[in-house]
Amino acid sequence: MLLKSLKIVGKRYKLFVKANFEDCGQCDDNKQTISLKKDMPKDLELDTLIHEITHAIDYQMNLEMSERQVHGVGAGLAAVFIDNPKLLNYLQELITGE
């Protein structure tokens, strides 16, 4: 994993990759950590990371989303990024103004 942390709605979440991890991912809002299982297929890692980021957003924004809603948003966004590989470049241009 290239990233060590993410800033999510003003809070810094540390990212961890764990070899002996039962779940694919976990977000601990109290410790502000996101953990991912090591050596997942890239598409599952993407889906899991977006899922856990969605949990963090849910917590920080006090949205009280159900697990089903978090899963739907995470899987939907992952599918959009996979189906539109140029989207991330375009978003980066919008962010930097370049």
PDB file of N, CA and C in Angstrom:
ATOM      1  N   MET A   1       0.847  -1.180   0.000  1.00  0.00           N
ATOM      2  CA  MET A   1       0.000   0.000   0.000  1.00  0.00           C
ATOM      3  C   MET A   1       0.886   1.235   0.000  1.00  0.00           C
ATOM      4  N   LEU A   2       0.580   2.142  -0.887  1.00  0.00           N
ATOM      5  CA  LEU A   2       1.389   3.352  -1.030  1.00  0.00           C
ATOM      6  C   LEU A   2       1.060   4.401   0.024  1.00  0.00           C
ATOM      7  N   LEU A   3      -0.176   4.428   0.486  1.00  0.00           N
ATOM      8  CA  LEU A   3      -0.603   5.450   1.435  1.00  0.00           C
ATOM      9  C   LEU A   3      -0.430   4.979   2.872  1.00  0.00           C
ATOM     10  N   LYS A   4      -0.009   5.886   3.726  1.00  0.00           N
ATOM     11  CA  LYS A   4       0.109   5.584   5.154  1.00  0.00           C
ATOM     12  C   LYS A   4      -1.108   6.094   5.920  1.00  0.00           C
ATOM     13  N   SER A   5      -1.773   7.117   5.348  1.00  0.00           N
ATOM     14  CA  SER A   5      -2.946   7.674   6.017  1.00  0.00           C
ATOM     15  C   SER A   5      -3.808   8.419   4.996  1.00  0.00           C
ATOM     16  N   LEU A   6      -5.038   8.676   5.410  1.00  0.00           N
ATOM     17  CA  LEU A   6      -5.988   9.454   4.616  1.00  0.00           C
ATOM     18  C   LEU A   6      -6.645  10.485   5.516  1.00  0.00           C
ATOM     19  N   LYS A   7      -6.868  11.654   4.996  1.00  0.00           N
ATOM     20  CA  LYS A   7      -7.640  12.650   5.714  1.00  0.00           C
ATOM     21  C   LYS A   7      -9.085  12.497   5.269  1.00  0.00           C
ATOM     22  N   ILE A   8      -9.970  12.181   6.216  1.00  0.00           N
ATOM     23  CA  ILE A   8     -11.376  11.923   5.921  1.00  0.00           C
ATOM     24  C   ILE A   8     -12.222  12.868   6.753  1.00  0.00           C
ATOM     25  N   VAL A   9     -12.851  13.815   6.090  1.00  0.00           N
ATOM     26  CA  VAL A   9     -13.709  14.825   6.730  1.00  0.00           C
ATOM     27  C   VAL A   9     -12.970  15.468   7.915  1.00  0.00           C
ATOM     28  N   GLY A  10     -11.737  15.875   7.671  1.00  0.00           N
ATOM     29  CA  GLY A  10     -10.965  16.616   8.660  1.00  0.00           C
ATOM     30  C   GLY A  10     -10.217  15.770   9.673  1.00  0.00           C
ATOM     31  N   LYS A  11     -10.388  14.464   9.654  1.00  0.00           N
ATOM     32  CA  LYS A  11      -9.705  13.579  10.599  1.00  0.00           C
ATOM     33  C   LYS A  11      -8.703  12.707   9.855  1.00  0.00           C
ATOM     34  N   ARG A  12      -7.560  12.464  10.463  1.00  0.00           N
ATOM     35  CA  ARG A  12      -6.509  11.655   9.860  1.00  0.00           C
ATOM     36  C   ARG A  12      -6.695  10.201  10.281  1.00  0.00           C
ATOM     37  N   TYR A  13      -6.916   9.334   9.300  1.00  0.00           N
ATOM     38  CA  TYR A  13      -7.048   7.899   9.526  1.00  0.00           C
ATOM     39  C   TYR A  13      -5.764   7.216   9.057  1.00  0.00           C
ATOM     40  N   LYS A  14      -5.141   6.445   9.941  1.00  0.00           N
ATOM     41  CA  LYS A  14      -3.959   5.676   9.565  1.00  0.00           C
ATOM     42  C   LYS A  14      -4.412   4.408   8.844  1.00  0.00           C
ATOM     43  N   LEU A  15      -3.660   4.022   7.814  1.00  0.00           N
ATOM     44  CA  LEU A  15      -3.965   2.829   7.037  1.00  0.00           C
ATOM     45  C   LEU A  15      -2.988   1.716   7.390  1.00  0.00           C
ATOM     46  N   PHE A  16      -3.525   0.518   7.551  1.00  0.00           N
ATOM     47  CA  PHE A  16      -2.719  -0.645   7.869  1.00  0.00           C
ATOM     48  C   PHE A  16      -3.090  -1.793   6.943  1.00  0.00           C
ATOM     49  N   VAL A  17      -2.101  -2.600   6.585  1.00  0.00           N
ATOM     50  CA  VAL A  17      -2.323  -3.844   5.850  1.00  0.00           C
ATOM     51  C   VAL A  17      -1.875  -4.960   6.783  1.00  0.00           C
ATOM     52  N   LYS A  18      -2.778  -5.913   7.015  1.00  0.00           N
ATOM     53  CA  LYS A  18      -2.506  -6.971   7.982  1.00  0.00           C
ATOM     54  C   LYS A  18      -2.511  -8.338   7.299  1.00  0.00           C
ATOM     55  N   ALA A  19      -1.478  -9.123   7.563  1.00  0.00           N
ATOM     56  CA  ALA A  19      -1.359 -10.448   6.952  1.00  0.00           C
ATOM     57  C   ALA A  19      -2.368 -11.429   7.555  1.00  0.00           C
ATOM     58  N   ASN A  20      -2.447 -11.490   8.846  1.00  0.00           N
ATOM     59  CA  ASN A  20      -3.349 -12.428   9.526  1.00  0.00           C
ATOM     60  C   ASN A  20      -4.610 -11.691   9.965  1.00  0.00           C
ATOM     61  N   PHE A  21      -5.458 -11.399   9.003  1.00  0.00           N
ATOM     62  CA  PHE A  21      -6.663 -10.605   9.254  1.00  0.00           C
ATOM     63  C   PHE A  21      -7.847 -11.387   8.707  1.00  0.00           C
ATOM     64  N   GLU A  22      -8.833 -11.659   9.542  1.00  0.00           N
ATOM     65  CA  GLU A  22      -9.976 -12.469   9.128  1.00  0.00           C
ATOM     66  C   GLU A  22     -10.879 -11.728   8.142  1.00  0.00           C
ATOM     67  N   ASP A  23     -11.154 -10.479   8.416  1.00  0.00           N
ATOM     68  CA  ASP A  23     -12.017  -9.684   7.547  1.00  0.00           C
ATOM     69  C   ASP A  23     -11.213  -9.120   6.383  1.00  0.00           C
ATOM     70  N   CYS A  24     -11.915  -8.684   5.346  1.00  0.00           N
ATOM     71  CA  CYS A  24     -11.234  -7.980   4.250  1.00  0.00           C
ATOM     72  C   CYS A  24     -10.794  -6.596   4.697  1.00  0.00           C
ATOM     73  N   GLY A  25     -11.605  -5.959   5.540  1.00  0.00           N
ATOM     74  CA  GLY A  25     -11.278  -4.627   6.007  1.00  0.00           C
ATOM     75  C   GLY A  25     -12.018  -4.273   7.272  1.00  0.00           C
ATOM     76  N   GLN A  26     -11.532  -3.227   7.929  1.00  0.00           N
ATOM     77  CA  GLN A  26     -12.167  -2.753   9.155  1.00  0.00           C
ATOM     78  C   GLN A  26     -11.836  -1.284   9.351  1.00  0.00           C
ATOM     79  N   CYS A  27     -12.840  -0.525   9.751  1.00  0.00           N
ATOM     80  CA  CYS A  27     -12.650   0.880  10.107  1.00  0.00           C
ATOM     81  C   CYS A  27     -12.913   1.020  11.600  1.00  0.00           C
ATOM     82  N   ASP A  28     -11.934   1.545  12.320  1.00  0.00           N
ATOM     83  CA  ASP A  28     -12.093   1.808  13.752  1.00  0.00           C
ATOM     84  C   ASP A  28     -12.145   3.320  13.922  1.00  0.00           C
ATOM     85  N   ASP A  29     -13.356   3.827  14.115  1.00  0.00           N
ATOM     86  CA  ASP A  29     -13.530   5.275  14.196  1.00  0.00           C
ATOM     87  C   ASP A  29     -12.943   5.867  15.472  1.00  0.00           C
ATOM     88  N   ASN A  30     -12.922   5.110  16.560  1.00  0.00           N
ATOM     89  CA  ASN A  30     -12.353   5.617  17.807  1.00  0.00           C
ATOM     90  C   ASN A  30     -10.839   5.782  17.707  1.00  0.00           C
ATOM     91  N   LYS A  31     -10.174   4.823  17.050  1.00  0.00           N
ATOM     92  CA  LYS A  31      -8.721   4.898  16.872  1.00  0.00           C
ATOM     93  C   LYS A  31      -8.336   5.603  15.582  1.00  0.00           C
ATOM     94  N   GLN A  32      -9.337   5.899  14.748  1.00  0.00           N
ATOM     95  CA  GLN A  32      -9.131   6.513  13.437  1.00  0.00           C
ATOM     96  C   GLN A  32      -8.122   5.716  12.613  1.00  0.00           C
ATOM     97  N   THR A  33      -8.460   4.426  12.430  1.00  0.00           N
ATOM     98  CA  THR A  33      -7.640   3.535  11.622  1.00  0.00           C
ATOM     99  C   THR A  33      -8.515   2.789  10.621  1.00  0.00           C
ATOM    100  N   ILE A  34      -7.909   2.455   9.503  1.00  0.00           N
ATOM    101  CA  ILE A  34      -8.515   1.569   8.519  1.00  0.00           C
ATOM    102  C   ILE A  34      -7.505   0.462   8.267  1.00  0.00           C
ATOM    103  N   SER A  35      -7.964  -0.776   8.430  1.00  0.00           N
ATOM    104  CA  SER A  35      -7.107  -1.937   8.215  1.00  0.00           C
ATOM    105  C   SER A  35      -7.634  -2.746   7.046  1.00  0.00           C
ATOM    106  N   LEU A  36      -6.720  -3.223   6.212  1.00  0.00           N
ATOM    107  CA  LEU A  36      -7.063  -4.053   5.066  1.00  0.00           C
ATOM    108  C   LEU A  36      -6.292  -5.359   5.136  1.00  0.00           C
ATOM    109  N   LYS A  37      -6.907  -6.418   4.635  1.00  0.00           N
ATOM    110  CA  LYS A  37      -6.251  -7.724   4.565  1.00  0.00           C
ATOM    111  C   LYS A  37      -5.173  -7.685   3.487  1.00  0.00           C
ATOM    112  N   LYS A  38      -4.040  -8.261   3.777  1.00  0.00           N
ATOM    113  CA  LYS A  38      -2.915  -8.296   2.841  1.00  0.00           C
ATOM    114  C   LYS A  38      -3.203  -9.244   1.679  1.00  0.00           C
ATOM    115  N   ASP A  39      -2.696  -8.899   0.505  1.00  0.00           N
ATOM    116  CA  ASP A  39      -2.722  -9.745  -0.693  1.00  0.00           C
ATOM    117  C   ASP A  39      -4.122 -10.062  -1.217  1.00  0.00           C
ATOM    118  N   MET A  40      -5.012  -9.106  -1.140  1.00  0.00           N
ATOM    119  CA  MET A  40      -6.319  -9.274  -1.777  1.00  0.00           C
ATOM    120  C   MET A  40      -6.180  -8.951  -3.263  1.00  0.00           C
ATOM    121  N   PRO A  41      -7.047  -9.505  -4.105  1.00  0.00           N
ATOM    122  CA  PRO A  41      -7.068  -9.065  -5.504  1.00  0.00           C
ATOM    123  C   PRO A  41      -7.327  -7.555  -5.551  1.00  0.00           C
ATOM    124  N   LYS A  42      -6.752  -6.879  -6.527  1.00  0.00           N
ATOM    125  CA  LYS A  42      -6.819  -5.417  -6.593  1.00  0.00           C
ATOM    126  C   LYS A  42      -8.254  -4.887  -6.611  1.00  0.00           C
ATOM    127  N   ASP A  43      -9.166  -5.559  -7.344  1.00  0.00           N
ATOM    128  CA  ASP A  43     -10.544  -5.067  -7.390  1.00  0.00           C
ATOM    129  C   ASP A  43     -11.219  -5.200  -6.031  1.00  0.00           C
ATOM    130  N   LEU A  44     -10.914  -6.260  -5.280  1.00  0.00           N
ATOM    131  CA  LEU A  44     -11.470  -6.420  -3.935  1.00  0.00           C
ATOM    132  C   LEU A  44     -10.849  -5.425  -2.973  1.00  0.00           C
ATOM    133  N   GLU A  45      -9.568  -5.142  -3.134  1.00  0.00           N
ATOM    134  CA  GLU A  45      -8.904  -4.143  -2.287  1.00  0.00           C
ATOM    135  C   GLU A  45      -9.522  -2.767  -2.510  1.00  0.00           C
ATOM    136  N   LEU A  46      -9.778  -2.417  -3.778  1.00  0.00           N
ATOM    137  CA  LEU A  46     -10.420  -1.144  -4.098  1.00  0.00           C
ATOM    138  C   LEU A  46     -11.796  -1.068  -3.450  1.00  0.00           C
ATOM    139  N   ASP A  47     -12.603  -2.091  -3.649  1.00  0.00           N
ATOM    140  CA  ASP A  47     -13.954  -2.124  -3.089  1.00  0.00           C
ATOM    141  C   ASP A  47     -13.910  -2.020  -1.567  1.00  0.00           C
ATOM    142  N   THR A  48     -12.996  -2.764  -0.946  1.00  0.00           N
ATOM    143  CA  THR A  48     -12.891  -2.770   0.516  1.00  0.00           C
ATOM    144  C   THR A  48     -12.432  -1.418   1.048  1.00  0.00           C
ATOM    145  N   LEU A  49     -11.434  -0.824   0.409  1.00  0.00           N
ATOM    146  CA  LEU A  49     -10.951   0.475   0.864  1.00  0.00           C
ATOM    147  C   LEU A  49     -12.045   1.532   0.764  1.00  0.00           C
ATOM    148  N   ILE A  50     -12.759   1.572  -0.349  1.00  0.00           N
ATOM    149  CA  ILE A  50     -13.851   2.550  -0.491  1.00  0.00           C
ATOM    150  C   ILE A  50     -14.951   2.264   0.525  1.00  0.00           C
ATOM    151  N   HIS A  51     -15.238   0.994   0.778  1.00  0.00           N
ATOM    152  CA  HIS A  51     -16.225   0.616   1.788  1.00  0.00           C
ATOM    153  C   HIS A  51     -15.832   1.168   3.160  1.00  0.00           C
ATOM    154  N   GLU A  52     -14.575   0.969   3.541  1.00  0.00           N
ATOM    155  CA  GLU A  52     -14.119   1.430   4.855  1.00  0.00           C
ATOM    156  C   GLU A  52     -14.053   2.957   4.930  1.00  0.00           C
ATOM    157  N   ILE A  53     -13.696   3.613   3.835  1.00  0.00           N
ATOM    158  CA  ILE A  53     -13.734   5.077   3.792  1.00  0.00           C
ATOM    159  C   ILE A  53     -15.170   5.560   3.971  1.00  0.00           C
ATOM    160  N   THR A  54     -16.116   4.846   3.367  1.00  0.00           N
ATOM    161  CA  THR A  54     -17.529   5.206   3.516  1.00  0.00           C
ATOM    162  C   THR A  54     -17.955   5.078   4.978  1.00  0.00           C
ATOM    163  N   HIS A  55     -17.472   4.048   5.674  1.00  0.00           N
ATOM    164  CA  HIS A  55     -17.761   3.929   7.114  1.00  0.00           C
ATOM    165  C   HIS A  55     -17.224   5.144   7.863  1.00  0.00           C
ATOM    166  N   ALA A  56     -16.012   5.565   7.526  1.00  0.00           N
ATOM    167  CA  ALA A  56     -15.413   6.720   8.208  1.00  0.00           C
ATOM    168  C   ALA A  56     -16.225   7.991   7.938  1.00  0.00           C
ATOM    169  N   ILE A  57     -16.632   8.185   6.693  1.00  0.00           N
ATOM    170  CA  ILE A  57     -17.460   9.350   6.354  1.00  0.00           C
ATOM    171  C   ILE A  57     -18.781   9.283   7.115  1.00  0.00           C
ATOM    172  N   ASP A  58     -19.387   8.121   7.139  1.00  0.00           N
ATOM    173  CA  ASP A  58     -20.641   7.917   7.861  1.00  0.00           C
ATOM    174  C   ASP A  58     -20.484   8.327   9.320  1.00  0.00           C
ATOM    175  N   TYR A  59     -19.408   7.884   9.944  1.00  0.00           N
ATOM    176  CA  TYR A  59     -19.162   8.201  11.350  1.00  0.00           C
ATOM    177  C   TYR A  59     -18.902   9.697  11.541  1.00  0.00           C
ATOM    178  N   GLN A  60     -18.015  10.258  10.736  1.00  0.00           N
ATOM    179  CA  GLN A  60     -17.651  11.664  10.895  1.00  0.00           C
ATOM    180  C   GLN A  60     -18.816  12.614  10.612  1.00  0.00           C
ATOM    181  N   MET A  61     -19.686  12.230   9.688  1.00  0.00           N
ATOM    182  CA  MET A  61     -20.821  13.076   9.317  1.00  0.00           C
ATOM    183  C   MET A  61     -22.088  12.727  10.097  1.00  0.00           C
ATOM    184  N   ASN A  62     -21.986  11.713  10.975  1.00  0.00           N
ATOM    185  CA  ASN A  62     -23.117  11.285  11.796  1.00  0.00           C
ATOM    186  C   ASN A  62     -24.347  10.952  10.947  1.00  0.00           C
ATOM    187  N   LEU A  63     -24.130  10.173   9.889  1.00  0.00           N
ATOM    188  CA  LEU A  63     -25.204   9.827   8.955  1.00  0.00           C
ATOM    189  C   LEU A  63     -26.017   8.620   9.405  1.00  0.00           C
ATOM    190  N   GLU A  64     -25.425   7.771  10.232  1.00  0.00           N
ATOM    191  CA  GLU A  64     -26.092   6.573  10.736  1.00  0.00           C
ATOM    192  C   GLU A  64     -26.575   5.660   9.613  1.00  0.00           C
ATOM    193  N   MET A  65     -25.692   5.427   8.642  1.00  0.00           N
ATOM    194  CA  MET A  65     -26.010   4.534   7.533  1.00  0.00           C
ATOM    195  C   MET A  65     -26.008   3.085   8.011  1.00  0.00           C
ATOM    196  N   SER A  66     -26.845   2.279   7.400  1.00  0.00           N
ATOM    197  CA  SER A  66     -26.831   0.845   7.683  1.00  0.00           C
ATOM    198  C   SER A  66     -25.640   0.211   6.951  1.00  0.00           C
ATOM    199  N   GLU A  67     -25.291  -1.013   7.339  1.00  0.00           N
ATOM    200  CA  GLU A  67     -24.225  -1.727   6.648  1.00  0.00           C
ATOM    201  C   GLU A  67     -24.587  -1.927   5.181  1.00  0.00           C
ATOM    202  N   ARG A  68     -25.848  -2.155   4.910  1.00  0.00           N
ATOM    203  CA  ARG A  68     -26.315  -2.317   3.529  1.00  0.00           C
ATOM    204  C   ARG A  68     -26.083  -1.038   2.721  1.00  0.00           C
ATOM    205  N   GLN A  69     -26.356   0.105   3.312  1.00  0.00           N
ATOM    206  CA  GLN A  69     -26.141   1.381   2.621  1.00  0.00           C
ATOM    207  C   GLN A  69     -24.654   1.630   2.391  1.00  0.00           C
ATOM    208  N   VAL A  70     -23.827   1.359   3.395  1.00  0.00           N
ATOM    209  CA  VAL A  70     -22.376   1.521   3.250  1.00  0.00           C
ATOM    210  C   VAL A  70     -21.868   0.617   2.143  1.00  0.00           C
ATOM    211  N   HIS A  71     -22.335  -0.631   2.146  1.00  0.00           N
ATOM    212  CA  HIS A  71     -21.912  -1.577   1.115  1.00  0.00           C
ATOM    213  C   HIS A  71     -22.333  -1.088  -0.273  1.00  0.00           C
ATOM    214  N   GLY A  72     -23.562  -0.605  -0.404  1.00  0.00           N
ATOM    215  CA  GLY A  72     -24.053  -0.128  -1.698  1.00  0.00           C
ATOM    216  C   GLY A  72     -23.264   1.056  -2.225  1.00  0.00           C
ATOM    217  N   VAL A  73     -22.987   2.013  -1.370  1.00  0.00           N
ATOM    218  CA  VAL A  73     -22.211   3.186  -1.790  1.00  0.00           C
ATOM    219  C   VAL A  73     -20.792   2.774  -2.148  1.00  0.00           C
ATOM    220  N   GLY A  74     -20.163   1.962  -1.301  1.00  0.00           N
ATOM    221  CA  GLY A  74     -18.791   1.531  -1.561  1.00  0.00           C
ATOM    222  C   GLY A  74     -18.663   0.731  -2.848  1.00  0.00           C
ATOM    223  N   ALA A  75     -19.533  -0.254  -3.020  1.00  0.00           N
ATOM    224  CA  ALA A  75     -19.490  -1.086  -4.227  1.00  0.00           C
ATOM    225  C   ALA A  75     -19.831  -0.267  -5.466  1.00  0.00           C
ATOM    226  N   GLY A  76     -20.778   0.648  -5.330  1.00  0.00           N
ATOM    227  CA  GLY A  76     -21.152   1.498  -6.465  1.00  0.00           C
ATOM    228  C   GLY A  76     -20.015   2.402  -6.903  1.00  0.00           C
ATOM    229  N   LEU A  77     -19.346   3.045  -5.950  1.00  0.00           N
ATOM    230  CA  LEU A  77     -18.213   3.907  -6.298  1.00  0.00           C
ATOM    231  C   LEU A  77     -17.061   3.098  -6.882  1.00  0.00           C
ATOM    232  N   ALA A  78     -16.779   1.934  -6.307  1.00  0.00           N
ATOM    233  CA  ALA A  78     -15.717   1.096  -6.850  1.00  0.00           C
ATOM    234  C   ALA A  78     -16.024   0.732  -8.299  1.00  0.00           C
ATOM    235  N   ALA A  79     -17.268   0.392  -8.583  1.00  0.00           N
ATOM    236  CA  ALA A  79     -17.661   0.046  -9.958  1.00  0.00           C
ATOM    237  C   ALA A  79     -17.496   1.232 -10.897  1.00  0.00           C
ATOM    238  N   VAL A  80     -17.853   2.433 -10.437  1.00  0.00           N
ATOM    239  CA  VAL A  80     -17.694   3.633 -11.267  1.00  0.00           C
ATOM    240  C   VAL A  80     -16.220   3.848 -11.603  1.00  0.00           C
ATOM    241  N   PHE A  81     -15.333   3.704 -10.607  1.00  0.00           N
ATOM    242  CA  PHE A  81     -13.899   3.904 -10.854  1.00  0.00           C
ATOM    243  C   PHE A  81     -13.340   2.828 -11.787  1.00  0.00           C
ATOM    244  N   ILE A  82     -13.766   1.586 -11.610  1.00  0.00           N
ATOM    245  CA  ILE A  82     -13.291   0.500 -12.472  1.00  0.00           C
ATOM    246  C   ILE A  82     -13.779   0.699 -13.904  1.00  0.00           C
ATOM    247  N   ASP A  83     -15.043   1.092 -14.059  1.00  0.00           N
ATOM    248  CA  ASP A  83     -15.631   1.249 -15.395  1.00  0.00           C
ATOM    249  C   ASP A  83     -15.188   2.526 -16.105  1.00  0.00           C
ATOM    250  N   ASN A  84     -14.598   3.469 -15.358  1.00  0.00           N
ATOM    251  CA  ASN A  84     -14.193   4.755 -15.922  1.00  0.00           C
ATOM    252  C   ASN A  84     -12.784   5.104 -15.460  1.00  0.00           C
ATOM    253  N   PRO A  85     -11.762   4.418 -15.956  1.00  0.00           N
ATOM    254  CA  PRO A  85     -10.403   4.616 -15.463  1.00  0.00           C
ATOM    255  C   PRO A  85      -9.868   6.046 -15.625  1.00  0.00           C
ATOM    256  N   LYS A  86     -10.403   6.811 -16.558  1.00  0.00           N
ATOM    257  CA  LYS A  86      -9.939   8.192 -16.743  1.00  0.00           C
ATOM    258  C   LYS A  86     -10.576   9.157 -15.745  1.00  0.00           C
ATOM    259  N   LEU A  87     -11.574   8.683 -15.008  1.00  0.00           N
ATOM    260  CA  LEU A  87     -12.274   9.549 -14.054  1.00  0.00           C
ATOM    261  C   LEU A  87     -11.336  10.091 -12.982  1.00  0.00           C
ATOM    262  N   LEU A  88     -10.449   9.267 -12.461  1.00  0.00           N
ATOM    263  CA  LEU A  88      -9.549   9.730 -11.405  1.00  0.00           C
ATOM    264  C   LEU A  88      -8.627  10.840 -11.900  1.00  0.00           C
ATOM    265  N   ASN A  89      -8.156  10.722 -13.137  1.00  0.00           N
ATOM    266  CA  ASN A  89      -7.332  11.801 -13.711  1.00  0.00           C
ATOM    267  C   ASN A  89      -8.135  13.086 -13.825  1.00  0.00           C
ATOM    268  N   TYR A  90      -9.372  12.971 -14.272  1.00  0.00           N
ATOM    269  CA  TYR A  90     -10.233  14.146 -14.401  1.00  0.00           C
ATOM    270  C   TYR A  90     -10.508  14.777 -13.038  1.00  0.00           C
ATOM    271  N   LEU A  91     -10.785  13.968 -12.035  1.00  0.00           N
ATOM    272  CA  LEU A  91     -11.001  14.506 -10.684  1.00  0.00           C
ATOM    273  C   LEU A  91      -9.758  15.210 -10.168  1.00  0.00           C
ATOM    274  N   GLN A  92      -8.592  14.629 -10.457  1.00  0.00           N
ATOM    275  CA  GLN A  92      -7.335  15.255 -10.030  1.00  0.00           C
ATOM    276  C   GLN A  92      -7.170  16.626 -10.694  1.00  0.00           C
ATOM    277  N   GLU A  93      -7.531  16.740 -11.960  1.00  0.00           N
ATOM    278  CA  GLU A  93      -7.471  18.032 -12.643  1.00  0.00           C
ATOM    279  C   GLU A  93      -8.416  19.042 -12.010  1.00  0.00           C
ATOM    280  N   LEU A  94      -9.602  18.589 -11.628  1.00  0.00           N
ATOM    281  CA  LEU A  94     -10.557  19.485 -10.960  1.00  0.00           C
ATOM    282  C   LEU A  94     -10.029  19.950  -9.605  1.00  0.00           C
ATOM    283  N   ILE A  95      -9.365  19.068  -8.877  1.00  0.00           N
ATOM    284  CA  ILE A  95      -8.844  19.398  -7.548  1.00  0.00           C
ATOM    285  C   ILE A  95      -7.683  20.373  -7.637  1.00  0.00           C
ATOM    286  N   THR A  96      -6.759  20.134  -8.565  1.00  0.00           N
ATOM    287  CA  THR A  96      -5.557  20.963  -8.658  1.00  0.00           C
ATOM    288  C   THR A  96      -5.740  22.188  -9.547  1.00  0.00           C
ATOM    289  N   GLY A  97      -6.810  22.196 -10.337  1.00  0.00           N
ATOM    290  CA  GLY A  97      -7.053  23.322 -11.233  1.00  0.00           C
ATOM    291  C   GLY A  97      -6.168  23.309 -12.462  1.00  0.00           C
ATOM    292  N   GLU A  98      -5.535  22.189 -12.740  1.00  0.00           N
ATOM    293  CA  GLU A  98      -4.636  22.088 -13.893  1.00  0.00           C
ATOM    294  C   GLU A  98      -5.380  21.566 -15.107  1.00  0.00           C
TER     295      GLU A  98
END
